């Protein structure tokens, strides 16, 4: 009977060590998956609502704020992933603010009266929209590059 106990104890210890090693190895993978999941959620919101009406744009800006908060709240231990997290937070804040400003400017342009004052409002709104679209385009390019860097980092095994 003592031989069986020895084998059982040996098996339990080996199994525990295996789970411990697997848990340590999955740490980076799990953290990558968490961050990628939140980034994808924000990206899908943008893709789904691109070019929508004013109210949809303003709602999209609020939804992106929520995704940004969710991203900020992730607890990541890996220093490189923390860096990716903070950079994505800044990009999604830029997206949210740009979309909100563009939606507000579009709303002002839509409600402007047919007068010289209304034309000035429309011109200012057009300038605001162009500025915010430029910011959003730049942020999108940075986001693509950052996503590529993060995917390369996450695909490397330790």
Protein backbone atom coordinates (compact mmCIF):
# COMPACT_ATOMS: atom_id res chain seq x y z
CA UNK A 1 0.00 0.00 0.00
CA UNK A 2 2.79 2.44 0.68
CA UNK A 3 3.99 2.10 -2.93
CA UNK A 4 0.58 3.27 -4.17
CA UNK A 5 0.63 6.22 -1.82
CA UNK A 6 4.08 7.13 -3.10
CA UNK A 7 2.81 7.05 -6.70
CA UNK A 8 -0.29 9.07 -5.82
CA UNK A 9 1.76 11.71 -4.00
CA UNK A 10 4.25 11.79 -6.88
CA UNK A 11 1.40 12.21 -9.40
CA UNK A 12 -0.26 14.97 -7.37
CA UNK A 13 3.05 16.86 -7.02
CA UNK A 14 3.76 16.53 -10.76
CA UNK A 15 0.25 17.65 -11.63
CA UNK A 16 0.56 20.67 -9.32
CA UNK A 17 3.90 21.66 -10.84
CA UNK A 18 2.45 21.28 -14.34
CA UNK A 19 -0.50 23.54 -13.49
CA UNK A 20 1.81 26.08 -11.87
CA UNK A 21 4.08 26.22 -14.91
CA UNK A 22 1.09 26.40 -17.25
CA UNK A 23 -0.43 29.23 -15.21
CA UNK A 24 2.80 31.21 -15.38
CA UNK A 25 3.12 30.67 -19.13
CA UNK A 26 -0.51 31.61 -19.72
CA UNK A 27 -0.10 34.88 -17.84
CA UNK A 28 1.21 36.77 -20.87
CA UNK A 29 -1.21 34.99 -23.18
CA UNK A 30 -4.19 35.68 -20.94
CA UNK A 31 -3.25 39.34 -20.56
CA UNK A 32 -2.78 39.66 -24.32
CA UNK A 33 -6.19 38.12 -24.91
CA UNK A 34 -7.83 40.50 -22.44
CA UNK A 35 -6.29 43.58 -24.04
CA UNK A 36 -6.95 42.38 -27.59
CA UNK A 37 -10.58 41.66 -26.71
CA UNK A 38 -11.18 45.22 -25.46
CA UNK A 39 -9.30 46.78 -28.40
CA UNK A 40 -11.39 44.71 -30.82
CA UNK A 41 -14.58 45.80 -29.07
CA UNK A 42 -13.71 49.46 -29.68
CA UNK A 43 -12.57 48.86 -33.24
CA UNK A 44 -15.78 46.99 -34.05
CA UNK A 45 -17.83 49.91 -32.68
CA UNK A 46 -15.99 52.33 -34.96
CA UNK A 47 -16.30 50.10 -38.03
CA UNK A 48 -20.00 49.41 -37.42
CA UNK A 49 -20.93 53.08 -36.91
CA UNK A 50 -18.69 54.77 -39.47
CA UNK A 51 -20.46 57.57 -41.34
CA UNK A 52 -23.67 57.39 -39.30
CA UNK A 53 -26.01 60.17 -38.26
CA UNK A 54 -25.28 62.78 -35.59
CA UNK A 55 -27.05 60.96 -32.77
CA UNK A 56 -25.30 57.72 -33.68
CA UNK A 57 -21.95 59.53 -33.72
CA UNK A 58 -22.54 61.02 -30.31
CA UNK A 59 -23.61 57.62 -28.96
CA UNK A 60 -20.52 56.07 -30.55
CA UNK A 61 -18.36 58.63 -28.73
CA UNK A 62 -20.00 57.66 -25.42
CA UNK A 63 -19.60 53.94 -26.19
CA UNK A 64 -15.92 54.49 -26.98
CA UNK A 65 -15.52 56.31 -23.65
CA UNK A 66 -16.91 53.20 -21.95
CA UNK A 67 -14.52 50.94 -23.87
CA UNK A 68 -11.64 53.25 -22.95
CA UNK A 69 -12.59 53.03 -19.28
CA UNK A 70 -12.80 49.24 -19.54
CA UNK A 71 -9.36 49.24 -21.14
CA UNK A 72 -7.95 51.46 -18.36
CA UNK A 73 -9.41 49.13 -15.74
CA UNK A 74 -7.58 46.05 -17.06
CA UNK A 75 -4.99 44.81 -14.59
CA UNK A 76 -1.95 43.87 -16.62
CA UNK A 77 1.33 42.83 -15.04
CA UNK A 78 3.46 42.58 -18.15
CA UNK A 79 5.31 45.92 -18.60
CA UNK A 80 5.15 45.77 -22.40
CA UNK A 81 1.42 45.08 -22.32
CA UNK A 82 0.94 47.97 -19.87
CA UNK A 83 2.67 50.19 -22.44
CA UNK A 84 0.37 48.91 -25.21
CA UNK A 85 -2.60 49.46 -22.89
CA UNK A 86 -1.73 53.10 -22.15
CA UNK A 87 -1.06 53.82 -25.83
CA UNK A 88 -4.39 52.28 -26.87
CA UNK A 89 -6.18 54.24 -24.13
CA UNK A 90 -4.78 57.49 -25.59
CA UNK A 91 -5.81 56.46 -29.12
CA UNK A 92 -9.35 55.53 -28.08
CA UNK A 93 -9.66 58.80 -26.15
CA UNK A 94 -8.66 60.58 -29.36
CA UNK A 95 -11.23 58.59 -31.35
CA UNK A 96 -13.96 59.33 -28.82
CA UNK A 97 -13.19 63.05 -28.62
CA UNK A 98 -12.85 63.39 -32.40
CA UNK A 99 -16.12 61.62 -33.10
CA UNK A 100 -17.92 63.68 -30.43
CA UNK A 101 -16.56 66.95 -31.87
CA UNK A 102 -17.43 65.94 -35.42
CA UNK A 103 -20.95 64.91 -34.35
CA UNK A 104 -21.47 68.20 -32.53
CA UNK A 105 -20.14 70.21 -35.49
CA UNK A 106 -22.35 68.26 -37.87
CA UNK A 107 -25.35 68.95 -35.67
CA UNK A 108 -24.54 72.68 -35.64
CA UNK A 109 -24.25 72.67 -39.43
CA UNK A 110 -27.56 70.84 -39.82
CA UNK A 111 -29.41 73.30 -37.57
CA UNK A 112 -27.81 76.46 -38.99
CA UNK A 113 -30.25 78.91 -40.52
CA UNK A 114 -30.04 80.18 -44.06
CA UNK A 115 -28.35 83.48 -43.27
CA UNK A 116 -24.90 85.02 -43.25
CA UNK A 117 -24.54 83.96 -39.62
CA UNK A 118 -25.67 80.44 -40.57
CA UNK A 119 -23.03 80.29 -43.32
CA UNK A 120 -20.35 81.22 -40.77
CA UNK A 121 -21.57 78.46 -38.47
CA UNK A 122 -21.45 75.97 -41.36
CA UNK A 123 -17.92 77.07 -42.35
CA UNK A 124 -16.70 76.73 -38.78
CA UNK A 125 -18.40 73.34 -38.48
CA UNK A 126 -16.77 72.19 -41.72
CA UNK A 127 -13.36 73.26 -40.39
CA UNK A 128 -14.00 71.46 -37.08
CA UNK A 129 -15.09 68.32 -38.92
CA UNK A 130 -12.00 68.39 -41.16
CA UNK A 131 -9.71 68.85 -38.14
CA UNK A 132 -11.30 66.04 -36.20
CA UNK A 133 -11.27 63.71 -39.20
CA UNK A 134 -7.57 64.39 -39.65
CA UNK A 135 -6.98 63.53 -35.97
CA UNK A 136 -9.10 60.40 -36.25
CA UNK A 137 -7.30 59.29 -39.42
CA UNK A 138 -3.93 59.77 -37.74
CA UNK A 139 -5.14 57.87 -34.67
CA UNK A 140 -6.42 55.04 -36.90
CA UNK A 141 -3.01 54.71 -38.57
CA UNK A 142 -1.30 54.67 -35.18
CA UNK A 143 -3.84 52.11 -33.97
CA UNK A 144 -3.12 49.81 -36.91
CA UNK A 145 0.61 50.04 -36.28
CA UNK A 146 0.19 49.52 -32.53
CA UNK A 147 -2.11 46.53 -33.08
CA UNK A 148 0.49 44.98 -35.37
CA UNK A 149 3.23 45.51 -32.77
CA UNK A 150 1.06 44.05 -30.03
CA UNK A 151 0.15 41.02 -32.13
CA UNK A 152 3.83 40.37 -32.83
CA UNK A 153 4.64 40.67 -29.11
CA UNK A 154 1.74 38.47 -28.06
CA UNK A 155 2.54 35.78 -30.61
CA UNK A 156 6.09 35.35 -29.28
CA UNK A 157 6.47 32.57 -26.76
CA UNK A 158 8.51 33.28 -23.69
